[in-house]
Amino acid sequence: MVKSIAWLLGWLLGLGLAANGLVMMGIPDAWYANVPGAVDTGPFNAHFVRDVGAIYVTCGAAFLWFAASPPARPAAQIAAAFLAIHGLIHLRDAVAGREAVTQLLSDAPAVFLPPVLAIWIVLALPERRDRTFPE
């Protein structure tokens, strides 16, 4: 049951990350204007939003690949690491006073939940060997 949930969440997380990244790359101004708290982080920079969008597309692809093929675990681990580091940056900015602590609440679904899910998915799905090796 846990493996089935992790597998389904792997697909959903992959699709969500990739979709977010595609929106960031395709219509960065609309993404910036409509994501809660984004306008509070500084002036709009389309190139920067597209760059970050490319990272999200890559992370999404990593989770889709992992959901389809367990040997792609290292790709998902790297994507999970990016998501976790990104969340830690937001947390550090709040602790340092560069971001309102209340911003952490609006960051929760899009900044803190994805790395928690990503790490859980990577840990919950078993490794599978494509070949058997002699013992």
Protein backbone atom coordinates (compact mmCIF):
# COMPACT_ATOMS: atom_id res chain seq x y z
CA MET A 1 0.00 0.00 0.00
CA VAL A 2 2.76 2.46 0.97
CA LYS A 3 4.65 1.64 -2.24
CA SER A 4 1.52 2.29 -4.32
CA ILE A 5 0.96 5.65 -2.63
CA ALA A 6 4.63 6.60 -3.07
CA TRP A 7 4.51 5.58 -6.72
CA LEU A 8 1.34 7.63 -7.33
CA LEU A 9 2.80 10.63 -5.48
CA GLY A 10 5.97 10.29 -7.54
CA TRP A 11 3.92 10.70 -10.71
CA LEU A 12 1.87 13.56 -9.26
CA LEU A 13 4.90 15.39 -7.88
CA GLY A 14 6.73 14.96 -11.18
CA LEU A 15 3.79 16.29 -13.16
CA GLY A 16 3.26 19.20 -10.75
CA LEU A 17 6.91 20.24 -10.72
CA ALA A 18 7.16 20.01 -14.50
CA ALA A 19 3.92 21.95 -15.01
CA ASN A 20 5.07 24.70 -12.63
CA GLY A 21 8.39 24.90 -14.46
CA LEU A 22 6.72 25.09 -17.87
CA VAL A 23 4.50 27.96 -16.68
CA MET A 24 7.56 29.73 -15.24
CA MET A 25 9.36 29.36 -18.56
CA GLY A 26 6.37 30.14 -20.78
CA ILE A 27 4.64 33.01 -18.98
CA PRO A 28 7.04 34.18 -16.27
CA ASP A 29 5.25 37.48 -15.68
CA ALA A 30 1.91 35.75 -15.01
CA TRP A 31 3.62 33.19 -12.77
CA TYR A 32 5.33 35.96 -10.77
CA ALA A 33 2.13 37.99 -10.41
CA ASN A 34 0.00 35.04 -9.31
CA VAL A 35 2.21 33.08 -6.92
CA PRO A 36 1.55 34.25 -3.36
CA GLY A 37 4.58 36.04 -1.94
CA ALA A 38 6.62 36.12 -5.15
CA VAL A 39 6.22 39.88 -5.58
CA ASP A 40 7.54 40.34 -2.03
CA THR A 41 10.89 38.75 -2.92
CA GLY A 42 12.12 41.54 -5.17
CA PRO A 43 11.59 43.02 -8.59
CA PHE A 44 10.42 40.81 -11.47
CA ASN A 45 13.20 39.31 -13.58
CA ALA A 46 11.87 37.20 -16.45
CA HIS A 47 15.23 35.59 -17.15
CA PHE A 48 15.63 34.49 -13.52
CA VAL A 49 12.07 33.09 -13.36
CA ARG A 50 12.74 31.13 -16.57
CA ASP A 51 16.05 29.83 -15.17
CA VAL A 52 14.31 28.55 -12.03
CA GLY A 53 11.53 27.16 -14.23
CA ALA A 54 14.12 25.09 -16.06
CA ILE A 55 15.21 23.62 -12.73
CA TYR A 56 11.60 22.72 -11.89
CA VAL A 57 11.08 21.06 -15.28
CA THR A 58 14.25 19.04 -14.68
CA CYS A 59 13.15 18.02 -11.17
CA GLY A 60 9.73 17.06 -12.51
CA ALA A 61 11.33 14.96 -15.24
CA ALA A 62 13.53 13.24 -12.63
CA PHE A 63 10.50 12.20 -10.57
CA LEU A 64 8.56 11.06 -13.64
CA TRP A 65 11.57 8.99 -14.70
CA PHE A 66 11.91 7.51 -11.20
CA ALA A 67 8.19 6.68 -11.04
CA ALA A 68 8.53 4.87 -14.37
CA SER A 69 11.89 3.25 -13.65
CA PRO A 70 13.19 2.67 -10.08
CA PRO A 71 16.85 2.53 -11.23
CA ALA A 72 16.50 6.30 -11.87
CA ARG A 73 16.62 6.82 -8.07
CA PRO A 74 19.80 8.99 -8.24
CA ALA A 75 18.01 11.51 -10.47
CA ALA A 76 15.13 11.72 -7.99
CA GLN A 77 17.58 12.03 -5.08
CA ILE A 78 19.25 15.02 -6.74
CA ALA A 79 15.85 16.60 -7.46
CA ALA A 80 14.84 16.03 -3.82
CA ALA A 81 18.10 17.67 -2.71
CA PHE A 82 17.35 20.78 -4.78
CA LEU A 83 13.84 21.00 -3.34
CA ALA A 84 15.14 20.60 0.22
CA ILE A 85 17.88 23.21 -0.23
CA HIS A 86 15.36 25.60 -1.77
CA GLY A 87 13.11 25.15 1.27
CA LEU A 88 16.04 25.72 3.63
CA ILE A 89 16.87 28.98 1.85
CA HIS A 90 13.32 30.21 2.47
CA LEU A 91 13.53 29.14 6.11
CA ARG A 92 16.91 30.85 6.56
CA ASP A 93 15.61 34.08 5.01
CA ALA A 94 12.71 34.09 7.48
CA VAL A 95 14.98 33.40 10.45
CA ALA A 96 17.40 36.14 9.30
CA GLY A 97 14.55 38.66 8.95
CA ARG A 98 14.82 38.98 5.16
CA GLU A 99 11.38 37.45 4.78
CA ALA A 100 8.36 37.74 7.06
CA VAL A 101 7.89 34.72 9.27
CA THR A 102 4.22 34.72 8.21
CA GLN A 103 5.46 34.13 4.63
CA LEU A 104 6.44 30.63 5.74
CA LEU A 105 2.74 29.74 5.97
CA SER A 106 2.09 30.69 2.36
CA ASP A 107 5.34 28.96 1.36
CA ALA A 108 4.24 25.69 3.00
CA PRO A 109 2.32 24.11 0.08
CA ALA A 110 4.71 25.05 -2.72
CA VAL A 111 8.10 25.35 -1.00
CA PHE A 112 8.05 23.02 2.03
CA LEU A 113 5.64 20.23 1.06
CA PRO A 114 7.41 19.19 -2.20
CA PRO A 115 10.76 18.37 -0.54
CA VAL A 116 9.02 16.45 2.25
CA LEU A 117 7.11 14.42 -0.35
CA ALA A 118 10.20 14.03 -2.54
CA ILE A 119 12.34 12.66 0.28
CA TRP A 120 9.55 10.32 1.41
CA ILE A 121 9.02 9.05 -2.15
CA VAL A 122 12.73 8.36 -2.66
CA LEU A 123 12.88 6.48 0.65
CA ALA A 124 9.56 4.62 0.27
CA LEU A 125 10.01 3.17 -3.20
CA PRO A 126 12.21 0.09 -3.21
CA GLU A 127 15.21 -0.36 -5.43
CA ARG A 128 14.81 -2.87 -8.18
CA ARG A 129 17.58 -4.53 -10.09
CA ASP A 130 17.05 -5.12 -13.77
CA ARG A 131 19.43 -8.09 -13.68
CA THR A 132 20.27 -10.74 -11.17
CA PHE A 133 23.87 -10.96 -10.13
CA PRO A 134 25.49 -14.13 -8.85
CA GLU A 135 26.04 -14.10 -5.13
